[in-house]
Amino acid sequence: MVDQAAVLADRVWSRYSRKEQFIRYGVYLATLIAVVWALQDIDIFWPWVWDAPNQIQNLAVRMWPPAFNTWNEIFSAMLETVHIATLSTALTIFIALPVSYIAAQNTTPNKATLWLGRFILVSSRSVNTIIWALLFVAIFGPGVLAGILAVMFRSIGFIGKLMGEAIEEIDRRPVEAMQATGASKMKVVLYAIVPQVMPAFFAIIILRWDINIRESTVLGLVGAGGIGVLLQGSIDLFAWQTVATILLAIVVLVVLGESVTSALRKKVI
C-alpha cells in the first residue's frame, strides 16, 4: 500500500515537473520572440555595435590620467549638486505630506480628494526628472532653480506614495479613542497619526535625499545646474581627462551620500 502511494506521488510530481518545465520554456520562447520582434523595428547600425569595445578602449586611453587642475571648480559644482538635492527634498516635504494625507484611504475627507491626491502622485511619478528639468529650464531659464523644482516635482510622487501607504497601515485604535473623546481633527493627526508614521517619515526622507543626490548629478546635462553642467561642457570641448575627473568626483559623491544615509537610517530605524 505504501509502495503504491509512493509510486502515485512520483507520477504526480513528475507530471507537475513536466508542466512547470513546459511553462518555463514557453516563457523563454515568448521572451526570445519578443526580443527578435523588437530588434526588427529598431534601426541599429551594427558595425558600430561590433566596434564598441575598440571605441571604449580608445576613450579610456584618452581619459587617462585624470586632470586635477580644475579640482576647485569641480568641488564647487559638487556642493551645488548637494544643495540642489537638499533644498528640493526639504521643499518636497511641505507638498508631499498634505498630498499623502488626502491620498490615504483612512484619512482622506472624501472620494474626490482621494482621487485628487492619487492623481498628483501618479502625475509626479510618471514624468522623469530630466523631463521636469527641461520643462523648468524652458520656463525659468538655465540654472539651479530649474534643477531644484525638477527634483522637487519628481520627489512629490515618491514621498507622497510611501507616506500614504504608511498612513494606511497605522493602528486605528488610537485614532478612534481620540475621536471618541471629541478631539479635533488636527489633534487626532498630531497625537494619533503622526507618532505612528514618524519612523517611516524619516526613513523615506533620508532615502529620497540619497536618490536626489544621484539625480542631481545629471540635471546639468540639460542646463539645470549641478556638476552635470561642468560634465557636459567638458564633453563638448573633448576634455576627456577632465571628464574622467568629474566622473570620479560623482562616484565619490554618491558613495559619501550612501554612507551618510546608511548611518542616518541606522539611527532612525
C-alpha atoms as a PDB file:
ATOM      1  CA  MET A   1       0.000   0.000   0.000  1.00  0.00           C
ATOM      2  CA  VAL A   2       2.828   2.349   0.915  1.00  0.00           C
ATOM      3  CA  ASP A   3       4.666   1.466  -2.309  1.00  0.00           C
ATOM      4  CA  GLN A   4       1.577   2.261  -4.403  1.00  0.00           C
ATOM      5  CA  ALA A   5       1.217   5.647  -2.683  1.00  0.00           C
ATOM      6  CA  ALA A   6       4.881   6.394  -3.316  1.00  0.00           C
ATOM      7  CA  VAL A   7       4.536   5.447  -6.991  1.00  0.00           C
ATOM      8  CA  LEU A   8       1.436   7.636  -7.306  1.00  0.00           C
ATOM      9  CA  ALA A   9       3.239  10.550  -5.631  1.00  0.00           C
ATOM     10  CA  ASP A  10       6.182  10.146  -8.011  1.00  0.00           C
ATOM     11  CA  ARG A  11       3.831  10.217 -11.023  1.00  0.00           C
ATOM     12  CA  VAL A  12       2.072  13.366  -9.782  1.00  0.00           C
ATOM     13  CA  TRP A  13       5.402  15.054  -9.079  1.00  0.00           C
ATOM     14  CA  SER A  14       6.796  14.112 -12.479  1.00  0.00           C
ATOM     15  CA  ARG A  15       3.686  15.488 -14.188  1.00  0.00           C
ATOM     16  CA  TYR A  16       3.954  18.674 -12.174  1.00  0.00           C
ATOM     17  CA  SER A  17       7.651  18.978 -13.025  1.00  0.00           C
ATOM     18  CA  ARG A  18       6.980  18.494 -16.741  1.00  0.00           C
ATOM     19  CA  LYS A  19       4.224  21.100 -16.629  1.00  0.00           C
ATOM     20  CA  GLU A  20       6.485  23.532 -14.811  1.00  0.00           C
ATOM     21  CA  GLN A  21       9.291  22.968 -17.337  1.00  0.00           C
ATOM     22  CA  PHE A  22       6.856  23.419 -20.220  1.00  0.00           C
ATOM     23  CA  ILE A  23       5.703  26.757 -18.796  1.00  0.00           C
ATOM     24  CA  ARG A  24       9.279  27.863 -18.182  1.00  0.00           C
ATOM     25  CA  TYR A  25      10.434  27.040 -21.715  1.00  0.00           C
ATOM     26  CA  GLY A  26       7.278  28.674 -23.083  1.00  0.00           C
ATOM     27  CA  VAL A  27       8.171  31.886 -21.248  1.00  0.00           C
ATOM     28  CA  TYR A  28      11.740  31.686 -22.597  1.00  0.00           C
ATOM     29  CA  LEU A  29      10.451  31.220 -26.139  1.00  0.00           C
ATOM     30  CA  ALA A  30       7.957  34.084 -25.821  1.00  0.00           C
ATOM     31  CA  THR A  31      10.710  36.361 -24.489  1.00  0.00           C
ATOM     32  CA  LEU A  32      13.018  35.422 -27.372  1.00  0.00           C
ATOM     33  CA  ILE A  33      10.270  36.096 -29.920  1.00  0.00           C
ATOM     34  CA  ALA A  34       9.526  39.484 -28.297  1.00  0.00           C
ATOM     35  CA  VAL A  35      13.217  40.477 -28.369  1.00  0.00           C
ATOM     36  CA  VAL A  36      13.633  39.466 -32.026  1.00  0.00           C
ATOM     37  CA  TRP A  37      10.442  41.305 -32.964  1.00  0.00           C
ATOM     38  CA  ALA A  38      11.585  44.444 -31.125  1.00  0.00           C
ATOM     39  CA  LEU A  39      15.032  44.401 -32.759  1.00  0.00           C
ATOM     40  CA  GLN A  40      13.430  44.305 -36.209  1.00  0.00           C
ATOM     41  CA  ASP A  41      11.719  47.650 -35.558  1.00  0.00           C
ATOM     42  CA  ILE A  42      14.888  49.349 -34.242  1.00  0.00           C
ATOM     43  CA  ASP A  43      17.287  50.906 -36.687  1.00  0.00           C
ATOM     44  CA  ILE A  44      20.652  49.731 -35.329  1.00  0.00           C
ATOM     45  CA  PHE A  45      23.917  50.346 -37.183  1.00  0.00           C
ATOM     46  CA  TRP A  46      25.516  47.029 -36.255  1.00  0.00           C
ATOM     47  CA  PRO A  47      29.107  47.871 -37.370  1.00  0.00           C
ATOM     48  CA  TRP A  48      29.164  50.480 -34.591  1.00  0.00           C
ATOM     49  CA  VAL A  49      27.966  47.872 -32.119  1.00  0.00           C
ATOM     50  CA  TRP A  50      30.749  45.439 -33.035  1.00  0.00           C
ATOM     51  CA  ASP A  51      33.302  48.278 -32.913  1.00  0.00           C
ATOM     52  CA  ALA A  52      32.162  49.423 -29.446  1.00  0.00           C
ATOM     53  CA  PRO A  53      34.957  47.598 -27.489  1.00  0.00           C
ATOM     54  CA  ASN A  54      37.624  49.368 -29.549  1.00  0.00           C
ATOM     55  CA  GLN A  55      35.931  52.734 -29.043  1.00  0.00           C
ATOM     56  CA  ILE A  56      35.687  52.159 -25.284  1.00  0.00           C
ATOM     57  CA  GLN A  57      39.367  51.280 -25.112  1.00  0.00           C
ATOM     58  CA  ASN A  58      40.275  54.360 -27.152  1.00  0.00           C
ATOM     59  CA  LEU A  59      38.171  56.595 -24.912  1.00  0.00           C
ATOM     60  CA  ALA A  60      39.706  55.114 -21.765  1.00  0.00           C
ATOM     61  CA  VAL A  61      43.204  55.855 -23.117  1.00  0.00           C
ATOM     62  CA  ARG A  62      42.240  59.484 -23.773  1.00  0.00           C
ATOM     63  CA  MET A  63      40.777  59.832 -20.265  1.00  0.00           C
ATOM     64  CA  TRP A  64      43.928  58.656 -18.513  1.00  0.00           C
ATOM     65  CA  PRO A  65      45.370  60.184 -16.431  1.00  0.00           C
ATOM     66  CA  PRO A  66      42.587  62.321 -14.911  1.00  0.00           C
ATOM     67  CA  ALA A  67      43.256  66.059 -14.818  1.00  0.00           C
ATOM     68  CA  PHE A  68      43.039  67.510 -11.317  1.00  0.00           C
ATOM     69  CA  ASN A  69      43.918  71.089 -12.260  1.00  0.00           C
ATOM     70  CA  THR A  70      40.221  72.085 -12.197  1.00  0.00           C
ATOM     71  CA  TRP A  71      39.517  70.499  -8.823  1.00  0.00           C
ATOM     72  CA  ASN A  72      38.294  73.747  -7.211  1.00  0.00           C
ATOM     73  CA  GLU A  73      35.682  74.219  -9.923  1.00  0.00           C
ATOM     74  CA  ILE A  74      34.618  70.584  -9.633  1.00  0.00           C
ATOM     75  CA  PHE A  75      34.302  70.854  -5.837  1.00  0.00           C
ATOM     76  CA  SER A  76      32.082  73.937  -6.168  1.00  0.00           C
ATOM     77  CA  ALA A  77      29.875  72.087  -8.660  1.00  0.00           C
ATOM     78  CA  MET A  78      29.624  69.136  -6.252  1.00  0.00           C
ATOM     79  CA  LEU A  79      28.467  71.450  -3.451  1.00  0.00           C
ATOM     80  CA  GLU A  80      25.890  72.930  -5.790  1.00  0.00           C
ATOM     81  CA  THR A  81      24.652  69.427  -6.574  1.00  0.00           C
ATOM     82  CA  VAL A  82      24.274  68.630  -2.867  1.00  0.00           C
ATOM     83  CA  HIS A  83      22.421  71.909  -2.342  1.00  0.00           C
ATOM     84  CA  ILE A  84      20.002  71.077  -5.150  1.00  0.00           C
ATOM     85  CA  ALA A  85      19.268  67.654  -3.634  1.00  0.00           C
ATOM     86  CA  THR A  86      18.905  69.007  -0.086  1.00  0.00           C
ATOM     87  CA  LEU A  87      16.710  72.004  -0.909  1.00  0.00           C
ATOM     88  CA  SER A  88      14.461  70.022  -3.224  1.00  0.00           C
ATOM     89  CA  THR A  89      13.989  67.312  -0.589  1.00  0.00           C
ATOM     90  CA  ALA A  90      13.173  69.884   2.102  1.00  0.00           C
ATOM     91  CA  LEU A  91      10.668  71.697  -0.117  1.00  0.00           C
ATOM     92  CA  THR A  92       9.044  68.424  -1.128  1.00  0.00           C
ATOM     93  CA  ILE A  93       8.037  67.725   2.472  1.00  0.00           C
ATOM     94  CA  PHE A  94       5.642  70.680   2.595  1.00  0.00           C
ATOM     95  CA  ILE A  95       3.791  69.452  -0.504  1.00  0.00           C
ATOM     96  CA  ALA A  96       4.079  65.668  -0.230  1.00  0.00           C
ATOM     97  CA  LEU A  97       2.750  65.356   3.330  1.00  0.00           C
ATOM     98  CA  PRO A  98      -0.640  67.022   2.682  1.00  0.00           C
ATOM     99  CA  VAL A  99      -0.946  65.084  -0.562  1.00  0.00           C
ATOM    100  CA  SER A 100      -0.175  61.804   1.209  1.00  0.00           C
ATOM    101  CA  TYR A 101      -2.825  62.621   3.823  1.00  0.00           C
ATOM    102  CA  ILE A 102      -5.582  63.034   1.235  1.00  0.00           C
ATOM    103  CA  ALA A 103      -4.257  60.098  -0.823  1.00  0.00           C
ATOM    104  CA  ALA A 104      -4.615  57.639   2.078  1.00  0.00           C
ATOM    105  CA  GLN A 105      -7.972  55.884   2.219  1.00  0.00           C
ATOM    106  CA  ASN A 106      -8.330  56.082   6.006  1.00  0.00           C
ATOM    107  CA  THR A 107      -7.635  59.838   6.287  1.00  0.00           C
ATOM    108  CA  THR A 108      -8.942  61.401   3.071  1.00  0.00           C
ATOM    109  CA  PRO A 109     -12.058  63.583   3.559  1.00  0.00           C
ATOM    110  CA  ASN A 110     -13.939  62.138   0.561  1.00  0.00           C
ATOM    111  CA  LYS A 111     -13.509  60.287  -2.724  1.00  0.00           C
ATOM    112  CA  ALA A 112     -12.872  63.484  -4.672  1.00  0.00           C
ATOM    113  CA  THR A 113      -9.856  64.386  -2.539  1.00  0.00           C
ATOM    114  CA  LEU A 114      -8.697  60.761  -2.645  1.00  0.00           C
ATOM    115  CA  TRP A 115      -8.575  60.740  -6.430  1.00  0.00           C
ATOM    116  CA  LEU A 116      -7.070  64.234  -6.471  1.00  0.00           C
ATOM    117  CA  GLY A 117      -4.237  63.110  -4.208  1.00  0.00           C
ATOM    118  CA  ARG A 118      -3.596  59.978  -6.213  1.00  0.00           C
ATOM    119  CA  PHE A 119      -3.696  61.943  -9.460  1.00  0.00           C
ATOM    120  CA  ILE A 120      -0.990  64.263  -8.114  1.00  0.00           C
ATOM    121  CA  LEU A 121       1.171  61.331  -7.021  1.00  0.00           C
ATOM    122  CA  VAL A 122       0.798  59.486 -10.325  1.00  0.00           C
ATOM    123  CA  SER A 123       1.464  62.643 -12.340  1.00  0.00           C
ATOM    124  CA  SER A 124       4.636  63.333 -10.378  1.00  0.00           C
ATOM    125  CA  ARG A 125       5.997  59.812 -10.747  1.00  0.00           C
ATOM    126  CA  SER A 126       5.030  59.487 -14.416  1.00  0.00           C
ATOM    127  CA  VAL A 127       7.375  62.264 -15.581  1.00  0.00           C
ATOM    128  CA  ASN A 128      11.114  61.658 -15.388  1.00  0.00           C
ATOM    129  CA  THR A 129      13.340  64.163 -13.611  1.00  0.00           C
ATOM    130  CA  ILE A 130      15.083  65.112 -16.862  1.00  0.00           C
ATOM    131  CA  ILE A 131      11.706  65.918 -18.456  1.00  0.00           C
ATOM    132  CA  TRP A 132      10.783  68.080 -15.457  1.00  0.00           C
ATOM    133  CA  ALA A 133      14.173  69.791 -15.781  1.00  0.00           C
ATOM    134  CA  LEU A 134      13.639  70.504 -19.482  1.00  0.00           C
ATOM    135  CA  LEU A 135      10.237  71.992 -18.671  1.00  0.00           C
ATOM    136  CA  PHE A 136      11.514  74.269 -15.902  1.00  0.00           C
ATOM    137  CA  VAL A 137      14.585  75.301 -17.897  1.00  0.00           C
ATOM    138  CA  ALA A 138      12.199  76.459 -20.612  1.00  0.00           C
ATOM    139  CA  ILE A 139      10.169  78.400 -18.025  1.00  0.00           C
ATOM    140  CA  PHE A 140      12.822  79.854 -15.696  1.00  0.00           C
ATOM    141  CA  GLY A 141      15.922  79.530 -17.861  1.00  0.00           C
ATOM    142  CA  PRO A 142      19.080  77.500 -17.159  1.00  0.00           C
ATOM    143  CA  GLY A 143      20.247  77.383 -13.582  1.00  0.00           C
ATOM    144  CA  VAL A 144      19.864  75.919 -10.130  1.00  0.00           C
ATOM    145  CA  LEU A 145      16.225  76.980  -9.706  1.00  0.00           C
ATOM    146  CA  ALA A 146      15.120  74.749 -12.573  1.00  0.00           C
ATOM    147  CA  GLY A 147      17.046  71.843 -11.060  1.00  0.00           C
ATOM    148  CA  ILE A 148      15.531  72.300  -7.602  1.00  0.00           C
ATOM    149  CA  LEU A 149      11.996  72.434  -8.969  1.00  0.00           C
ATOM    150  CA  ALA A 150      12.581  69.435 -11.249  1.00  0.00           C
ATOM    151  CA  VAL A 151      13.825  67.218  -8.425  1.00  0.00           C
ATOM    152  CA  MET A 152      11.091  68.512  -6.105  1.00  0.00           C
ATOM    153  CA  PHE A 153       8.252  67.739  -8.506  1.00  0.00           C
ATOM    154  CA  ARG A 154       9.650  64.262  -9.093  1.00  0.00           C
ATOM    155  CA  SER A 155      10.051  63.615  -5.355  1.00  0.00           C
ATOM    156  CA  ILE A 156       6.449  64.522  -4.510  1.00  0.00           C
ATOM    157  CA  GLY A 157       5.137  61.288  -6.011  1.00  0.00           C
ATOM    158  CA  PHE A 158       7.775  59.118  -4.304  1.00  0.00           C
ATOM    159  CA  ILE A 159       7.445  60.561  -0.801  1.00  0.00           C
ATOM    160  CA  GLY A 160       3.687  61.039  -1.054  1.00  0.00           C
ATOM    161  CA  LYS A 161       3.023  57.465  -2.152  1.00  0.00           C
ATOM    162  CA  LEU A 162       5.171  55.845   0.534  1.00  0.00           C
ATOM    163  CA  MET A 163       3.842  58.144   3.249  1.00  0.00           C
ATOM    164  CA  GLY A 164       0.283  57.462   2.124  1.00  0.00           C
ATOM    165  CA  GLU A 165       0.896  53.721   2.424  1.00  0.00           C
ATOM    166  CA  ALA A 166       2.401  54.247   5.883  1.00  0.00           C
ATOM    167  CA  ILE A 167      -0.687  56.220   6.963  1.00  0.00           C
ATOM    168  CA  GLU A 168      -2.992  53.471   5.679  1.00  0.00           C
ATOM    169  CA  GLU A 169      -1.129  50.899   7.798  1.00  0.00           C
ATOM    170  CA  ILE A 170      -1.452  52.731  11.140  1.00  0.00           C
ATOM    171  CA  ASP A 171      -3.228  51.256  14.124  1.00  0.00           C
ATOM    172  CA  ARG A 172      -6.769  52.669  14.120  1.00  0.00           C
ATOM    173  CA  ARG A 173      -7.355  52.220  17.837  1.00  0.00           C
ATOM    174  CA  PRO A 174      -5.543  55.410  18.992  1.00  0.00           C
ATOM    175  CA  VAL A 175      -7.396  57.374  16.299  1.00  0.00           C
ATOM    176  CA  GLU A 176     -10.778  56.001  17.334  1.00  0.00           C
ATOM    177  CA  ALA A 177     -10.014  56.607  21.027  1.00  0.00           C
ATOM    178  CA  MET A 178      -9.207  60.280  20.434  1.00  0.00           C
ATOM    179  CA  GLN A 179     -12.238  60.715  18.214  1.00  0.00           C
ATOM    180  CA  ALA A 180     -14.409  59.218  20.952  1.00  0.00           C
ATOM    181  CA  THR A 181     -13.163  61.877  23.379  1.00  0.00           C
ATOM    182  CA  GLY A 182     -14.229  64.624  20.970  1.00  0.00           C
ATOM    183  CA  ALA A 183     -10.729  65.648  19.872  1.00  0.00           C
ATOM    184  CA  SER A 184     -10.450  67.849  16.791  1.00  0.00           C
ATOM    185  CA  LYS A 185      -9.105  66.526  13.510  1.00  0.00           C
ATOM    186  CA  MET A 186      -5.868  68.438  13.970  1.00  0.00           C
ATOM    187  CA  LYS A 187      -5.273  66.887  17.392  1.00  0.00           C
ATOM    188  CA  VAL A 188      -6.094  63.430  16.038  1.00  0.00           C
ATOM    189  CA  VAL A 189      -3.495  63.916  13.325  1.00  0.00           C
ATOM    190  CA  LEU A 190      -0.845  65.307  15.692  1.00  0.00           C
ATOM    191  CA  TYR A 191      -1.255  62.850  18.563  1.00  0.00           C
ATOM    192  CA  ALA A 192      -2.660  59.664  16.981  1.00  0.00           C
ATOM    193  CA  ILE A 193      -1.318  59.539  13.404  1.00  0.00           C
ATOM    194  CA  VAL A 194       1.964  61.468  13.385  1.00  0.00           C
ATOM    195  CA  PRO A 195       3.686  59.456  16.183  1.00  0.00           C
ATOM    196  CA  GLN A 196       2.954  56.216  14.321  1.00  0.00           C
ATOM    197  CA  VAL A 197       4.346  57.360  10.955  1.00  0.00           C
ATOM    198  CA  MET A 198       7.373  59.350  12.184  1.00  0.00           C
ATOM    199  CA  PRO A 199       9.884  56.464  11.824  1.00  0.00           C
ATOM    200  CA  ALA A 200       8.652  55.776   8.287  1.00  0.00           C
ATOM    201  CA  PHE A 201       8.738  59.512   7.534  1.00  0.00           C
ATOM    202  CA  PHE A 202      12.402  59.920   8.473  1.00  0.00           C
ATOM    203  CA  ALA A 203      13.389  56.724   6.647  1.00  0.00           C
ATOM    204  CA  ILE A 204      11.587  57.827   3.477  1.00  0.00           C
ATOM    205  CA  ILE A 205      13.071  61.349   3.572  1.00  0.00           C
ATOM    206  CA  ILE A 206      16.597  60.014   4.045  1.00  0.00           C
ATOM    207  CA  LEU A 207      16.156  57.521   1.213  1.00  0.00           C
ATOM    208  CA  ARG A 208      14.762  60.181  -1.121  1.00  0.00           C
ATOM    209  CA  TRP A 209      17.618  62.565  -0.307  1.00  0.00           C
ATOM    210  CA  ASP A 210      20.069  59.864  -1.339  1.00  0.00           C
ATOM    211  CA  ILE A 211      18.171  59.340  -4.606  1.00  0.00           C
ATOM    212  CA  ASN A 212      18.017  63.087  -5.232  1.00  0.00           C
ATOM    213  CA  ILE A 213      21.789  63.394  -4.935  1.00  0.00           C
ATOM    214  CA  ARG A 214      22.174  60.869  -7.748  1.00  0.00           C
ATOM    215  CA  GLU A 215      19.538  62.531  -9.890  1.00  0.00           C
ATOM    216  CA  SER A 216      21.030  65.987  -9.316  1.00  0.00           C
ATOM    217  CA  THR A 217      24.324  64.900 -10.875  1.00  0.00           C
ATOM    218  CA  VAL A 218      22.751  64.594 -14.342  1.00  0.00           C
ATOM    219  CA  LEU A 219      20.474  67.638 -14.326  1.00  0.00           C
ATOM    220  CA  GLY A 220      23.276  69.810 -15.679  1.00  0.00           C
ATOM    221  CA  LEU A 221      23.182  67.883 -18.945  1.00  0.00           C
ATOM    222  CA  VAL A 222      20.023  69.872 -19.766  1.00  0.00           C
ATOM    223  CA  GLY A 223      21.183  73.096 -18.121  1.00  0.00           C
ATOM    224  CA  ALA A 224      19.538  72.685 -14.709  1.00  0.00           C
ATOM    225  CA  GLY A 225      22.640  73.258 -12.598  1.00  0.00           C
ATOM    226  CA  GLY A 226      24.924  70.982 -10.651  1.00  0.00           C
ATOM    227  CA  ILE A 227      28.031  69.111 -11.639  1.00  0.00           C
ATOM    228  CA  GLY A 228      26.347  67.913 -14.814  1.00  0.00           C
ATOM    229  CA  VAL A 229      26.874  71.372 -16.362  1.00  0.00           C
ATOM    230  CA  LEU A 230      30.615  71.006 -15.930  1.00  0.00           C
ATOM    231  CA  LEU A 231      30.471  67.453 -17.267  1.00  0.00           C
ATOM    232  CA  GLN A 232      28.550  68.461 -20.387  1.00  0.00           C
ATOM    233  CA  GLY A 233      30.905  71.374 -21.033  1.00  0.00           C
ATOM    234  CA  SER A 234      33.968  69.121 -20.760  1.00  0.00           C
ATOM    235  CA  ILE A 235      32.425  66.581 -23.140  1.00  0.00           C
ATOM    236  CA  ASP A 236      31.631  69.325 -25.660  1.00  0.00           C
ATOM    237  CA  LEU A 237      35.266  70.507 -25.501  1.00  0.00           C
ATOM    238  CA  PHE A 238      36.595  66.923 -25.777  1.00  0.00           C
ATOM    239  CA  ALA A 239      38.463  67.445 -22.496  1.00  0.00           C
ATOM    240  CA  TRP A 240      38.382  63.755 -21.699  1.00  0.00           C
ATOM    241  CA  GLN A 241      40.864  63.909 -18.828  1.00  0.00           C
ATOM    242  CA  THR A 242      38.641  66.473 -17.106  1.00  0.00           C
ATOM    243  CA  VAL A 243      35.646  64.248 -17.843  1.00  0.00           C
ATOM    244  CA  ALA A 244      37.393  61.396 -16.043  1.00  0.00           C
ATOM    245  CA  THR A 245      37.999  63.620 -13.020  1.00  0.00           C
ATOM    246  CA  ILE A 246      34.346  64.688 -12.945  1.00  0.00           C
ATOM    247  CA  LEU A 247      33.172  61.086 -13.172  1.00  0.00           C
ATOM    248  CA  LEU A 248      35.442  60.145 -10.265  1.00  0.00           C
ATOM    249  CA  ALA A 249      34.035  63.075  -8.276  1.00  0.00           C
ATOM    250  CA  ILE A 250      30.482  61.893  -8.976  1.00  0.00           C
ATOM    251  CA  VAL A 251      31.357  58.389  -7.777  1.00  0.00           C
ATOM    252  CA  VAL A 252      32.888  59.802  -4.592  1.00  0.00           C
ATOM    253  CA  LEU A 253      29.826  61.999  -4.022  1.00  0.00           C
ATOM    254  CA  VAL A 254      27.413  59.098  -4.456  1.00  0.00           C
ATOM    255  CA  VAL A 255      29.449  56.861  -2.144  1.00  0.00           C
ATOM    256  CA  LEU A 256      29.568  59.573   0.535  1.00  0.00           C
ATOM    257  CA  GLY A 257      25.838  60.120   0.190  1.00  0.00           C
ATOM    258  CA  GLU A 258      25.223  56.397   0.559  1.00  0.00           C
ATOM    259  CA  SER A 259      27.405  56.273   3.676  1.00  0.00           C
ATOM    260  CA  VAL A 260      25.637  59.242   5.271  1.00  0.00           C
ATOM    261  CA  THR A 261      22.163  57.875   4.548  1.00  0.00           C
ATOM    262  CA  SER A 262      23.098  54.429   5.861  1.00  0.00           C
ATOM    263  CA  ALA A 263      24.334  55.945   9.127  1.00  0.00           C
ATOM    264  CA  LEU A 264      21.205  58.090   9.471  1.00  0.00           C
ATOM    265  CA  ARG A 265      18.875  55.188   8.750  1.00  0.00           C
ATOM    266  CA  LYS A 266      20.551  53.099  11.460  1.00  0.00           C
ATOM    267  CA  LYS A 267      19.836  55.846  13.976  1.00  0.00           C
ATOM    268  CA  VAL A 268      16.235  56.302  12.838  1.00  0.00           C
ATOM    269  CA  ILE A 269      15.102  52.698  12.326  1.00  0.00           C
END
